[in-house]
Amino acid sequence: MNTRMRIGAVLLAALLLVLTGCGGSAQPTQKEGVVYLDPNAPAAAKTQSTAAPASQAEAAPDQPGTEPPAAEEPAGEPAPALDLYFESQGVRLEPMMAADKVLLALGQPIGVFEADSCAYIGKDVFYYYPGFELTVNEVDGQNVVTAIAVVDDTVVTPQGLRIYDEEEKLLSILGGTEENGVYTYESGKTILLIQVRAAGDEVRRIATMEYRAAEEG
């Protein structure tokens, strides 16, 4: 073998060694917790590789002792007790309240009327205000409010009702049963009388509402 051929053989052997060394160092070092994707892998294989951790995470709650605690439903609020009163201009009005303080708080009425009383000694005195009227009588030497009557549909009672509301609405709010077209509700020292009548459309509606003292009812 001549000198030129020997040199060529040496160079070829050296080149093979270099290529072998590069191939051996091309393997990357794997780091824990990192998902490595092969760019030459089919699309299905990539999807499977990335979906695996998610599937494992989703399966975790099914393992014994790992289910999240069931959410507790909030306890329902107890139904409020029936509170029968009327309110105007921020003034709470109930039968048997001292009349002088009530009249002072409400201000000047739009009208006053007196008539002989059938239930009390002396006179019934009626004080008219927009949408309602007060009846005042003397009881045990003191002037007190004996009745509060709603007279038109311009006011809504604290119970959420107004004149001309349908009977169905009354029942949905206060319930009850009627007697001769009148629903009677009592709470403490107050009774509320609500009369219903058939209107022009033949639907029964609230015609009158009046708060009275329970012992008077």
N, C-alpha and C. Protein backbone atom coordinates (compact mmCIF):
# COMPACT_ATOMS: atom_id res chain seq x y z
N MET A 1 0.88 -1.18 0.00
CA MET A 1 0.00 0.00 0.00
C MET A 1 0.91 1.22 0.00
N ASN A 2 0.66 2.15 -0.93
CA ASN A 2 1.51 3.33 -1.03
C ASN A 2 1.18 4.32 0.07
N THR A 3 1.98 5.31 0.15
CA THR A 3 1.84 6.32 1.23
C THR A 3 0.52 7.04 1.14
N ARG A 4 0.03 7.37 -0.06
CA ARG A 4 -1.23 8.12 -0.23
C ARG A 4 -2.40 7.29 0.27
N MET A 5 -2.41 6.01 0.02
CA MET A 5 -3.51 5.15 0.44
C MET A 5 -3.50 5.00 1.95
N ARG A 6 -2.33 4.89 2.56
CA ARG A 6 -2.25 4.78 4.01
C ARG A 6 -2.84 6.04 4.70
N ILE A 7 -2.50 7.21 4.16
CA ILE A 7 -3.02 8.46 4.74
C ILE A 7 -4.54 8.50 4.65
N GLY A 8 -5.09 8.05 3.52
CA GLY A 8 -6.54 8.05 3.34
C GLY A 8 -7.22 7.13 4.33
N ALA A 9 -6.63 5.95 4.60
CA ALA A 9 -7.22 5.00 5.54
C ALA A 9 -7.22 5.56 6.93
N VAL A 10 -6.14 6.24 7.29
CA VAL A 10 -6.07 6.84 8.64
C VAL A 10 -7.13 7.90 8.82
N LEU A 11 -7.29 8.77 7.79
CA LEU A 11 -8.30 9.83 7.87
C LEU A 11 -9.71 9.25 7.98
N LEU A 12 -10.00 8.17 7.26
CA LEU A 12 -11.33 7.54 7.31
C LEU A 12 -11.60 6.97 8.69
N ALA A 13 -10.58 6.34 9.29
CA ALA A 13 -10.75 5.77 10.64
C ALA A 13 -11.01 6.87 11.66
N ALA A 14 -10.28 7.99 11.51
CA ALA A 14 -10.48 9.11 12.45
C ALA A 14 -11.87 9.69 12.33
N LEU A 15 -12.36 9.80 11.07
CA LEU A 15 -13.70 10.34 10.85
C LEU A 15 -14.76 9.46 11.48
N LEU A 16 -14.59 8.13 11.40
CA LEU A 16 -15.54 7.20 12.01
C LEU A 16 -15.56 7.34 13.52
N LEU A 17 -14.40 7.55 14.11
CA LEU A 17 -14.33 7.74 15.56
C LEU A 17 -15.06 9.00 16.00
N VAL A 18 -14.88 10.07 15.21
CA VAL A 18 -15.56 11.35 15.54
C VAL A 18 -17.06 11.20 15.48
N LEU A 19 -17.54 10.53 14.39
CA LEU A 19 -18.98 10.35 14.24
C LEU A 19 -19.55 9.50 15.37
N THR A 20 -18.83 8.46 15.77
CA THR A 20 -19.29 7.59 16.84
C THR A 20 -19.37 8.35 18.16
N GLY A 21 -18.39 9.20 18.41
CA GLY A 21 -18.39 9.98 19.65
C GLY A 21 -19.53 10.96 19.70
N CYS A 22 -19.85 11.64 18.58
CA CYS A 22 -20.97 12.59 18.56
C CYS A 22 -22.28 11.89 18.81
N GLY A 23 -22.44 10.71 18.20
CA GLY A 23 -23.69 9.97 18.40
C GLY A 23 -23.87 9.59 19.85
N GLY A 24 -22.84 9.26 20.54
CA GLY A 24 -22.95 8.85 21.93
C GLY A 24 -23.30 10.00 22.84
N SER A 25 -22.91 11.22 22.55
CA SER A 25 -23.18 12.36 23.42
C SER A 25 -24.49 13.05 23.10
N ALA A 26 -25.25 12.57 22.09
CA ALA A 26 -26.48 13.25 21.67
C ALA A 26 -27.64 12.91 22.58
N GLN A 27 -27.58 11.93 23.51
CA GLN A 27 -28.67 11.55 24.38
C GLN A 27 -28.85 12.61 25.46
N PRO A 28 -30.02 13.29 25.54
CA PRO A 28 -30.22 14.35 26.54
C PRO A 28 -30.38 13.76 27.93
N THR A 29 -30.04 14.55 28.90
CA THR A 29 -30.21 14.14 30.29
C THR A 29 -31.65 14.42 30.70
N GLN A 30 -32.43 13.42 31.16
CA GLN A 30 -33.83 13.57 31.55
C GLN A 30 -33.92 14.20 32.93
N LYS A 31 -34.81 15.18 33.07
CA LYS A 31 -35.05 15.83 34.34
C LYS A 31 -36.39 15.38 34.91
N GLU A 32 -36.43 15.08 36.17
CA GLU A 32 -37.64 14.58 36.79
C GLU A 32 -38.72 15.65 36.80
N GLY A 33 -39.95 15.23 36.49
CA GLY A 33 -41.08 16.15 36.50
C GLY A 33 -41.29 16.89 35.21
N VAL A 34 -40.45 16.67 34.22
CA VAL A 34 -40.60 17.35 32.92
C VAL A 34 -41.02 16.34 31.88
N VAL A 35 -42.05 16.71 31.08
CA VAL A 35 -42.53 15.83 30.00
C VAL A 35 -41.81 16.24 28.72
N TYR A 36 -41.10 15.31 28.16
CA TYR A 36 -40.35 15.58 26.93
C TYR A 36 -41.11 15.02 25.74
N LEU A 37 -41.25 15.81 24.69
CA LEU A 37 -41.96 15.40 23.48
C LEU A 37 -40.96 15.14 22.38
N ASP A 38 -41.21 14.06 21.67
CA ASP A 38 -40.37 13.72 20.51
C ASP A 38 -40.95 14.42 19.29
N PRO A 39 -40.23 15.38 18.70
CA PRO A 39 -40.79 16.11 17.55
C PRO A 39 -41.05 15.23 16.34
N ASN A 40 -40.43 14.05 16.29
CA ASN A 40 -40.63 13.16 15.15
C ASN A 40 -41.72 12.12 15.40
N ALA A 41 -42.31 12.14 16.60
CA ALA A 41 -43.35 11.15 16.92
C ALA A 41 -44.65 11.52 16.24
N PRO A 42 -45.49 10.52 15.90
CA PRO A 42 -46.79 10.81 15.30
C PRO A 42 -47.64 11.66 16.23
N ALA A 43 -48.61 12.39 15.64
CA ALA A 43 -49.45 13.29 16.42
C ALA A 43 -50.19 12.55 17.52
N ALA A 44 -50.66 11.32 17.23
CA ALA A 44 -51.41 10.56 18.23
C ALA A 44 -50.55 10.26 19.43
N ALA A 45 -49.26 9.96 19.19
CA ALA A 45 -48.36 9.64 20.28
C ALA A 45 -48.14 10.86 21.15
N LYS A 46 -48.02 12.08 20.54
CA LYS A 46 -47.85 13.30 21.31
C LYS A 46 -49.05 13.55 22.21
N THR A 47 -50.23 13.36 21.64
CA THR A 47 -51.45 13.58 22.41
C THR A 47 -51.52 12.66 23.61
N GLN A 48 -51.15 11.39 23.37
CA GLN A 48 -51.17 10.41 24.45
C GLN A 48 -50.18 10.78 25.55
N SER A 49 -48.99 11.28 25.14
CA SER A 49 -47.97 11.62 26.11
C SER A 49 -48.42 12.76 27.00
N THR A 50 -49.04 13.80 26.41
CA THR A 50 -49.45 14.95 27.19
C THR A 50 -50.72 14.69 27.97
N ALA A 51 -51.58 13.78 27.49
CA ALA A 51 -52.85 13.52 28.16
C ALA A 51 -52.68 12.64 29.38
N ALA A 52 -51.61 11.85 29.41
CA ALA A 52 -51.44 10.90 30.50
C ALA A 52 -51.44 11.56 31.86
N PRO A 53 -50.63 12.64 32.09
CA PRO A 53 -50.65 13.24 33.42
C PRO A 53 -52.01 13.77 33.79
N ALA A 54 -52.74 14.36 32.80
CA ALA A 54 -54.07 14.90 33.10
C ALA A 54 -55.01 13.79 33.51
N SER A 55 -54.92 12.62 32.81
CA SER A 55 -55.79 11.50 33.15
C SER A 55 -55.51 11.02 34.56
N GLN A 56 -54.23 10.98 34.92
CA GLN A 56 -53.89 10.56 36.26
C GLN A 56 -54.43 11.53 37.30
N ALA A 57 -54.37 12.84 36.97
CA ALA A 57 -54.87 13.84 37.91
C ALA A 57 -56.36 13.74 38.08
N GLU A 58 -57.07 13.47 36.97
CA GLU A 58 -58.51 13.35 37.05
C GLU A 58 -58.92 12.11 37.83
N ALA A 59 -58.10 11.06 37.74
CA ALA A 59 -58.44 9.81 38.42
C ALA A 59 -58.19 9.89 39.91
N ALA A 60 -57.38 10.87 40.32
CA ALA A 60 -57.00 10.95 41.73
C ALA A 60 -58.17 11.04 42.68
N PRO A 61 -59.22 11.91 42.39
CA PRO A 61 -60.33 12.00 43.34
C PRO A 61 -61.08 10.69 43.55
N ASP A 62 -60.96 9.72 42.59
CA ASP A 62 -61.67 8.46 42.72
C ASP A 62 -60.97 7.51 43.67
N GLN A 63 -59.75 7.83 44.06
CA GLN A 63 -59.03 6.94 44.94
C GLN A 63 -59.62 7.03 46.35
N PRO A 64 -59.62 5.93 47.08
CA PRO A 64 -60.22 5.93 48.43
C PRO A 64 -59.61 6.99 49.31
N GLY A 65 -60.48 7.72 50.01
CA GLY A 65 -60.03 8.71 50.98
C GLY A 65 -59.63 10.04 50.39
N THR A 66 -59.77 10.21 49.05
CA THR A 66 -59.34 11.46 48.43
C THR A 66 -60.51 12.26 47.88
N GLU A 67 -61.77 11.79 48.06
CA GLU A 67 -62.91 12.52 47.54
C GLU A 67 -63.12 13.80 48.34
N PRO A 68 -63.37 14.92 47.67
CA PRO A 68 -63.60 16.18 48.39
C PRO A 68 -64.87 16.09 49.19
N PRO A 69 -64.93 16.75 50.35
CA PRO A 69 -66.15 16.71 51.18
C PRO A 69 -67.31 17.37 50.47
N ALA A 70 -68.50 16.81 50.66
CA ALA A 70 -69.69 17.37 50.03
C ALA A 70 -70.00 18.73 50.64
N ALA A 71 -70.38 19.67 49.78
CA ALA A 71 -70.70 21.02 50.25
C ALA A 71 -71.98 20.99 51.08
N GLU A 72 -71.94 21.67 52.20
CA GLU A 72 -73.11 21.71 53.07
C GLU A 72 -74.08 22.77 52.58
N GLU A 73 -75.37 22.38 52.49
CA GLU A 73 -76.38 23.34 52.07
C GLU A 73 -76.72 24.25 53.24
N PRO A 74 -76.83 25.59 52.96
CA PRO A 74 -77.15 26.51 54.05
C PRO A 74 -78.52 26.23 54.63
N ALA A 75 -78.61 26.34 55.93
CA ALA A 75 -79.90 26.10 56.60
C ALA A 75 -80.88 27.20 56.23
N GLY A 76 -82.12 26.81 56.00
CA GLY A 76 -83.14 27.78 55.62
C GLY A 76 -83.48 28.69 56.78
N GLU A 77 -83.78 29.96 56.44
CA GLU A 77 -84.16 30.91 57.46
C GLU A 77 -85.56 30.58 57.97
N PRO A 78 -85.76 30.67 59.28
CA PRO A 78 -87.11 30.41 59.80
C PRO A 78 -88.08 31.47 59.33
N ALA A 79 -89.30 31.05 59.08
CA ALA A 79 -90.31 32.00 58.62
C ALA A 79 -90.59 33.03 59.71
N PRO A 80 -90.63 34.33 59.34
CA PRO A 80 -90.87 35.35 60.34
C PRO A 80 -92.29 35.27 60.90
N ALA A 81 -92.43 35.65 62.15
CA ALA A 81 -93.76 35.65 62.77
C ALA A 81 -94.60 36.75 62.12
N LEU A 82 -95.90 36.52 62.06
CA LEU A 82 -96.81 37.48 61.45
C LEU A 82 -96.83 38.74 62.29
N ASP A 83 -96.43 39.86 61.71
CA ASP A 83 -96.36 41.13 62.42
C ASP A 83 -97.36 42.08 61.77
N LEU A 84 -98.43 42.37 62.47
CA LEU A 84 -99.50 43.19 61.91
C LEU A 84 -99.39 44.62 62.41
N TYR A 85 -99.03 45.51 61.50
CA TYR A 85 -98.98 46.93 61.81
C TYR A 85 -99.07 47.70 60.50
N PHE A 86 -99.32 48.99 60.62
CA PHE A 86 -99.35 49.86 59.44
C PHE A 86 -98.24 50.89 59.62
N GLU A 87 -97.78 51.44 58.51
CA GLU A 87 -96.69 52.41 58.59
C GLU A 87 -96.91 53.54 57.59
N SER A 88 -96.64 54.75 58.03
CA SER A 88 -96.74 55.92 57.14
C SER A 88 -95.69 56.94 57.58
N GLN A 89 -94.96 57.46 56.61
CA GLN A 89 -93.93 58.47 56.87
C GLN A 89 -92.91 57.99 57.91
N GLY A 90 -92.65 56.69 57.90
CA GLY A 90 -91.70 56.12 58.84
C GLY A 90 -92.25 55.94 60.24
N VAL A 91 -93.55 56.19 60.42
CA VAL A 91 -94.17 56.04 61.73
C VAL A 91 -94.91 54.71 61.78
N ARG A 92 -94.58 53.90 62.75
CA ARG A 92 -95.26 52.61 62.94
C ARG A 92 -96.57 52.86 63.68
N LEU A 93 -97.66 52.35 63.13
CA LEU A 93 -98.99 52.59 63.68
C LEU A 93 -99.64 51.26 64.05
N GLU A 94 -100.14 51.20 65.29
CA GLU A 94 -100.85 50.02 65.77
C GLU A 94 -102.04 50.46 66.61
N PRO A 95 -103.09 49.66 66.64
CA PRO A 95 -104.23 49.99 67.51
C PRO A 95 -103.80 50.09 68.97
N MET A 96 -104.48 50.98 69.71
CA MET A 96 -104.30 51.22 71.14
C MET A 96 -103.03 52.02 71.45
N MET A 97 -102.40 52.61 70.43
CA MET A 97 -101.30 53.53 70.68
C MET A 97 -101.87 54.87 71.15
N ALA A 98 -101.10 55.60 71.95
CA ALA A 98 -101.53 56.92 72.40
C ALA A 98 -101.71 57.83 71.18
N ALA A 99 -102.88 58.40 71.04
CA ALA A 99 -103.21 59.16 69.84
C ALA A 99 -102.41 60.45 69.71
N ASP A 100 -102.15 61.12 70.81
CA ASP A 100 -101.48 62.42 70.74
C ASP A 100 -100.10 62.31 70.08
N LYS A 101 -99.34 61.30 70.47
CA LYS A 101 -98.00 61.13 69.88
C LYS A 101 -98.09 60.77 68.40
N VAL A 102 -99.05 59.93 68.03
CA VAL A 102 -99.21 59.52 66.63
C VAL A 102 -99.59 60.71 65.77
N LEU A 103 -100.56 61.49 66.22
CA LEU A 103 -101.03 62.64 65.44
C LEU A 103 -99.92 63.67 65.28
N LEU A 104 -99.12 63.84 66.32
CA LEU A 104 -98.01 64.79 66.24
C LEU A 104 -96.97 64.32 65.22
N ALA A 105 -96.70 63.02 65.20
CA ALA A 105 -95.70 62.48 64.28
C ALA A 105 -96.17 62.53 62.83
N LEU A 106 -97.46 62.33 62.60
CA LEU A 106 -97.99 62.30 61.23
C LEU A 106 -98.21 63.69 60.64
N GLY A 107 -98.36 64.68 61.50
CA GLY A 107 -98.58 66.04 60.99
C GLY A 107 -100.05 66.30 60.72
N GLN A 108 -100.30 67.43 60.08
CA GLN A 108 -101.66 67.89 59.84
C GLN A 108 -102.44 66.93 58.93
N PRO A 109 -103.60 66.44 59.37
CA PRO A 109 -104.41 65.58 58.50
C PRO A 109 -105.11 66.41 57.43
N ILE A 110 -105.59 65.74 56.40
CA ILE A 110 -106.30 66.46 55.35
C ILE A 110 -107.77 66.65 55.68
N GLY A 111 -108.22 66.02 56.77
CA GLY A 111 -109.61 66.19 57.20
C GLY A 111 -109.86 65.50 58.53
N VAL A 112 -110.87 65.99 59.27
CA VAL A 112 -111.26 65.41 60.55
C VAL A 112 -112.77 65.34 60.59
N PHE A 113 -113.30 64.23 61.10
CA PHE A 113 -114.76 64.05 61.18
C PHE A 113 -115.09 63.36 62.50
N GLU A 114 -116.19 63.78 63.14
CA GLU A 114 -116.63 63.19 64.40
C GLU A 114 -118.03 62.62 64.26
N ALA A 115 -118.27 61.51 64.99
CA ALA A 115 -119.61 60.90 65.01
C ALA A 115 -119.78 60.18 66.33
N ASP A 116 -121.02 60.03 66.75
CA ASP A 116 -121.28 59.28 67.98
C ASP A 116 -120.76 57.86 67.83
N SER A 117 -120.11 57.37 68.86
CA SER A 117 -119.49 56.05 68.81
C SER A 117 -120.48 54.97 69.18
N CYS A 118 -120.41 53.86 68.46
CA CYS A 118 -121.23 52.68 68.78
C CYS A 118 -120.49 51.72 69.68
N ALA A 119 -119.16 51.75 69.67
CA ALA A 119 -118.36 50.79 70.43
C ALA A 119 -117.75 51.40 71.68
N TYR A 120 -117.59 52.73 71.71
CA TYR A 120 -116.93 53.38 72.84
C TYR A 120 -117.83 54.50 73.37
N ILE A 121 -117.51 54.95 74.56
CA ILE A 121 -118.22 56.08 75.14
C ILE A 121 -117.76 57.36 74.46
N GLY A 122 -118.69 58.22 74.13
CA GLY A 122 -118.33 59.48 73.52
C GLY A 122 -118.33 59.41 72.00
N LYS A 123 -117.32 60.02 71.39
CA LYS A 123 -117.27 60.19 69.94
C LYS A 123 -116.20 59.32 69.28
N ASP A 124 -116.47 58.91 68.05
CA ASP A 124 -115.43 58.41 67.16
C ASP A 124 -114.87 59.63 66.42
N VAL A 125 -113.59 59.82 66.48
CA VAL A 125 -112.97 60.92 65.76
C VAL A 125 -112.11 60.33 64.64
N PHE A 126 -112.41 60.71 63.40
CA PHE A 126 -111.71 60.17 62.23
C PHE A 126 -110.72 61.21 61.71
N TYR A 127 -109.47 60.81 61.56
CA TYR A 127 -108.43 61.67 61.00
C TYR A 127 -108.03 61.10 59.64
N TYR A 128 -108.17 61.92 58.60
CA TYR A 128 -107.93 61.45 57.23
C TYR A 128 -106.54 61.89 56.76
N TYR A 129 -105.82 60.91 56.24
CA TYR A 129 -104.51 61.14 55.65
C TYR A 129 -104.50 60.51 54.25
N PRO A 130 -103.54 60.88 53.40
CA PRO A 130 -103.52 60.30 52.05
C PRO A 130 -103.44 58.77 52.07
N GLY A 131 -104.50 58.12 51.63
CA GLY A 131 -104.51 56.67 51.51
C GLY A 131 -104.99 55.91 52.72
N PHE A 132 -105.16 56.57 53.87
CA PHE A 132 -105.62 55.84 55.06
C PHE A 132 -106.28 56.82 56.03
N GLU A 133 -106.95 56.26 57.04
CA GLU A 133 -107.58 57.07 58.07
C GLU A 133 -107.41 56.42 59.44
N LEU A 134 -107.37 57.24 60.47
CA LEU A 134 -107.26 56.78 61.85
C LEU A 134 -108.57 57.05 62.57
N THR A 135 -108.96 56.10 63.42
CA THR A 135 -110.10 56.31 64.31
C THR A 135 -109.56 56.44 65.73
N VAL A 136 -109.95 57.52 66.40
CA VAL A 136 -109.47 57.78 67.75
C VAL A 136 -110.67 57.80 68.71
N ASN A 137 -110.51 57.11 69.83
CA ASN A 137 -111.55 57.09 70.87
C ASN A 137 -110.92 57.29 72.23
N GLU A 138 -111.75 57.65 73.19
CA GLU A 138 -111.29 57.77 74.56
C GLU A 138 -111.47 56.43 75.26
N VAL A 139 -110.39 55.90 75.79
CA VAL A 139 -110.42 54.62 76.51
C VAL A 139 -109.69 54.81 77.83
N ASP A 140 -110.42 54.58 78.91
CA ASP A 140 -109.85 54.73 80.26
C ASP A 140 -109.24 56.11 80.46
N GLY A 141 -109.94 57.12 79.95
CA GLY A 141 -109.51 58.49 80.15
C GLY A 141 -108.38 58.93 79.24
N GLN A 142 -107.99 58.13 78.26
CA GLN A 142 -106.89 58.50 77.35
C GLN A 142 -107.34 58.33 75.91
N ASN A 143 -106.97 59.26 75.04
CA ASN A 143 -107.27 59.14 73.63
C ASN A 143 -106.29 58.17 72.98
N VAL A 144 -106.83 57.12 72.36
CA VAL A 144 -105.99 56.11 71.71
C VAL A 144 -106.50 55.85 70.29
N VAL A 145 -105.60 55.34 69.46
CA VAL A 145 -105.96 54.92 68.10
C VAL A 145 -106.65 53.57 68.20
N THR A 146 -107.89 53.50 67.79
CA THR A 146 -108.62 52.23 67.88
C THR A 146 -108.73 51.50 66.55
N ALA A 147 -108.49 52.20 65.45
CA ALA A 147 -108.56 51.54 64.14
C ALA A 147 -107.72 52.31 63.12
N ILE A 148 -107.15 51.57 62.18
CA ILE A 148 -106.39 52.14 61.06
C ILE A 148 -106.96 51.50 59.79
N ALA A 149 -107.54 52.29 58.92
CA ALA A 149 -108.18 51.76 57.72
C ALA A 149 -107.47 52.26 56.47
N VAL A 150 -107.18 51.32 55.55
CA VAL A 150 -106.61 51.68 54.24
C VAL A 150 -107.78 52.00 53.32
N VAL A 151 -107.75 53.17 52.67
CA VAL A 151 -108.93 53.62 51.93
C VAL A 151 -108.76 53.62 50.41
N ASP A 152 -107.52 53.51 49.92
CA ASP A 152 -107.36 53.47 48.46
C ASP A 152 -106.07 52.74 48.11
N ASP A 153 -105.79 52.64 46.81
CA ASP A 153 -104.65 51.83 46.36
C ASP A 153 -103.36 52.64 46.21
N THR A 154 -103.31 53.82 46.83
CA THR A 154 -102.09 54.63 46.73
C THR A 154 -101.04 54.21 47.75
N VAL A 155 -101.42 53.37 48.70
CA VAL A 155 -100.45 52.94 49.71
C VAL A 155 -100.36 51.42 49.72
N VAL A 156 -99.17 50.94 50.07
CA VAL A 156 -98.93 49.50 50.22
C VAL A 156 -98.65 49.23 51.70
N THR A 157 -99.30 48.24 52.27
CA THR A 157 -99.10 47.92 53.67
C THR A 157 -97.74 47.27 53.88
N PRO A 158 -97.23 47.27 55.10
CA PRO A 158 -95.97 46.57 55.38
C PRO A 158 -96.04 45.08 55.05
N GLN A 159 -97.25 44.54 54.97
CA GLN A 159 -97.42 43.14 54.59
C GLN A 159 -97.35 42.94 53.08
N GLY A 160 -97.22 44.04 52.32
CA GLY A 160 -97.06 43.94 50.87
C GLY A 160 -98.36 43.92 50.10
N LEU A 161 -99.43 44.44 50.67
CA LEU A 161 -100.73 44.41 50.02
C LEU A 161 -101.27 45.82 49.82
N ARG A 162 -102.13 45.95 48.83
CA ARG A 162 -102.82 47.21 48.59
C ARG A 162 -104.25 46.94 48.16
N ILE A 163 -105.09 47.95 48.28
CA ILE A 163 -106.46 47.84 47.82
C ILE A 163 -106.47 47.47 46.34
N TYR A 164 -107.33 46.57 45.96
CA TYR A 164 -107.54 46.09 44.59
C TYR A 164 -106.56 44.99 44.18
N ASP A 165 -105.70 44.55 45.09
CA ASP A 165 -104.89 43.37 44.79
C ASP A 165 -105.79 42.15 44.69
N GLU A 166 -105.41 41.18 43.85
CA GLU A 166 -106.22 39.98 43.69
C GLU A 166 -106.16 39.11 44.95
N GLU A 167 -107.22 38.36 45.16
CA GLU A 167 -107.29 37.46 46.30
C GLU A 167 -106.14 36.46 46.28
N GLU A 168 -105.74 36.05 45.09
CA GLU A 168 -104.64 35.09 44.96
C GLU A 168 -103.35 35.65 45.58
N LYS A 169 -103.09 36.93 45.39
CA LYS A 169 -101.90 37.54 45.98
C LYS A 169 -102.01 37.56 47.50
N LEU A 170 -103.18 37.90 48.01
CA LEU A 170 -103.41 37.88 49.46
C LEU A 170 -103.09 36.51 50.04
N LEU A 171 -103.59 35.47 49.38
CA LEU A 171 -103.37 34.11 49.88
C LEU A 171 -101.90 33.71 49.80
N SER A 172 -101.20 34.17 48.78
CA SER A 172 -99.78 33.83 48.64
C SER A 172 -98.93 34.49 49.72
N ILE A 173 -99.39 35.62 50.24
CA ILE A 173 -98.62 36.33 51.26
C ILE A 173 -99.02 35.94 52.67
N LEU A 174 -100.33 35.96 52.93
CA LEU A 174 -100.81 35.74 54.30
C LEU A 174 -101.55 34.41 54.48
N GLY A 175 -101.98 33.79 53.38
CA GLY A 175 -102.74 32.57 53.52
C GLY A 175 -104.09 32.84 54.16
N GLY A 176 -104.62 31.84 54.87
CA GLY A 176 -105.87 32.03 55.59
C GLY A 176 -107.09 31.54 54.83
N THR A 177 -108.22 31.57 55.52
CA THR A 177 -109.50 31.22 54.93
C THR A 177 -110.49 32.34 55.20
N GLU A 178 -111.43 32.50 54.33
CA GLU A 178 -112.39 33.60 54.46
C GLU A 178 -113.66 33.14 55.16
N GLU A 179 -114.39 34.09 55.70
CA GLU A 179 -115.72 33.86 56.24
C GLU A 179 -116.58 35.05 55.83
N ASN A 180 -117.56 34.76 54.98
CA ASN A 180 -118.44 35.81 54.44
C ASN A 180 -117.64 36.89 53.72
N GLY A 181 -116.62 36.45 52.97
CA GLY A 181 -115.84 37.40 52.18
C GLY A 181 -114.80 38.17 52.95
N VAL A 182 -114.55 37.80 54.21
CA VAL A 182 -113.58 38.53 55.04
C VAL A 182 -112.51 37.56 55.56
N TYR A 183 -111.25 37.95 55.38
CA TYR A 183 -110.11 37.22 55.95
C TYR A 183 -109.70 37.93 57.24
N THR A 184 -109.49 37.16 58.29
CA THR A 184 -109.13 37.73 59.59
C THR A 184 -107.78 37.18 60.03
N TYR A 185 -106.88 38.09 60.39
CA TYR A 185 -105.55 37.71 60.86
C TYR A 185 -105.31 38.38 62.21
N GLU A 186 -104.69 37.67 63.13
CA GLU A 186 -104.46 38.21 64.47
C GLU A 186 -103.03 37.97 64.89
N SER A 187 -102.44 39.00 65.50
CA SER A 187 -101.08 38.89 66.03
C SER A 187 -100.98 39.80 67.25
N GLY A 188 -100.69 39.21 68.39
CA GLY A 188 -100.60 40.01 69.61
C GLY A 188 -101.92 40.70 69.92
N LYS A 189 -101.88 42.01 70.02
CA LYS A 189 -103.07 42.79 70.34
C LYS A 189 -103.75 43.38 69.11
N THR A 190 -103.36 42.92 67.92
CA THR A 190 -103.87 43.49 66.68
C THR A 190 -104.53 42.42 65.82
N ILE A 191 -105.63 42.79 65.20
CA ILE A 191 -106.23 41.95 64.17
C ILE A 191 -106.28 42.76 62.88
N LEU A 192 -106.15 42.07 61.77
CA LEU A 192 -106.25 42.69 60.45
C LEU A 192 -107.41 42.04 59.72
N LEU A 193 -108.38 42.87 59.32
CA LEU A 193 -109.56 42.39 58.59
C LEU A 193 -109.42 42.83 57.14
N ILE A 194 -109.49 41.85 56.24
CA ILE A 194 -109.38 42.15 54.81
C ILE A 194 -110.61 41.58 54.10
N GLN A 195 -111.34 42.47 53.48
CA GLN A 195 -112.55 42.07 52.76
C GLN A 195 -112.24 41.96 51.27
N VAL A 196 -112.73 40.90 50.64
CA VAL A 196 -112.56 40.70 49.19
C VAL A 196 -113.92 40.69 48.51
N ARG A 197 -113.94 41.25 47.31
CA ARG A 197 -115.18 41.27 46.53
C ARG A 197 -114.83 41.01 45.06
N ALA A 198 -115.82 40.51 44.33
CA ALA A 198 -115.64 40.30 42.89
C ALA A 198 -115.66 41.65 42.19
N ALA A 199 -114.66 41.90 41.35
CA ALA A 199 -114.59 43.15 40.60
C ALA A 199 -115.28 42.99 39.25
N GLY A 200 -115.17 44.00 38.41
CA GLY A 200 -115.82 43.97 37.11
C GLY A 200 -115.36 42.82 36.24
N ASP A 201 -114.10 42.38 36.42
CA ASP A 201 -113.58 41.26 35.63
C ASP A 201 -113.87 39.92 36.30
N GLU A 202 -114.73 39.95 37.34
CA GLU A 202 -115.16 38.75 38.07
C GLU A 202 -114.04 38.11 38.88
N VAL A 203 -112.91 38.81 38.99
CA VAL A 203 -111.83 38.33 39.85
C VAL A 203 -111.99 38.97 41.22
N ARG A 204 -111.92 38.19 42.27
CA ARG A 204 -112.08 38.73 43.61
C ARG A 204 -110.81 39.48 44.01
N ARG A 205 -111.04 40.70 44.50
CA ARG A 205 -109.93 41.58 44.85
C ARG A 205 -110.16 42.18 46.24
N ILE A 206 -109.08 42.71 46.81
CA ILE A 206 -109.18 43.34 48.13
C ILE A 206 -109.98 44.63 48.01
N ALA A 207 -111.02 44.73 48.85
CA ALA A 207 -111.87 45.92 48.83
C ALA A 207 -111.57 46.83 50.02
N THR A 208 -111.33 46.26 51.19
CA THR A 208 -111.02 47.04 52.38
C THR A 208 -109.98 46.31 53.23
N MET A 209 -109.19 47.10 53.96
CA MET A 209 -108.25 46.56 54.94
C MET A 209 -108.29 47.44 56.17
N GLU A 210 -108.42 46.81 57.33
CA GLU A 210 -108.53 47.59 58.56
C GLU A 210 -107.84 46.86 59.72
N TYR A 211 -107.02 47.61 60.45
CA TYR A 211 -106.34 47.12 61.64
C TYR A 211 -107.16 47.56 62.85
N ARG A 212 -107.46 46.63 63.75
CA ARG A 212 -108.22 46.92 64.95
C ARG A 212 -107.56 46.28 66.16
N ALA A 213 -108.01 46.71 67.34
CA ALA A 213 -107.53 46.07 68.56
C ALA A 213 -108.13 44.68 68.67
N ALA A 214 -107.32 43.71 69.08
CA ALA A 214 -107.76 42.32 69.09
C ALA A 214 -108.96 42.11 70.00
N GLU A 215 -108.96 42.76 71.17
CA GLU A 215 -110.10 42.56 72.08
C GLU A 215 -111.38 43.15 71.54
N GLU A 216 -111.25 43.98 70.49
CA GLU A 216 -112.41 44.60 69.88
C GLU A 216 -112.97 43.73 68.77
N GLY A 217 -112.12 42.84 68.21
CA GLY A 217 -112.43 42.12 66.99
C GLY A 217 -113.69 41.32 67.01
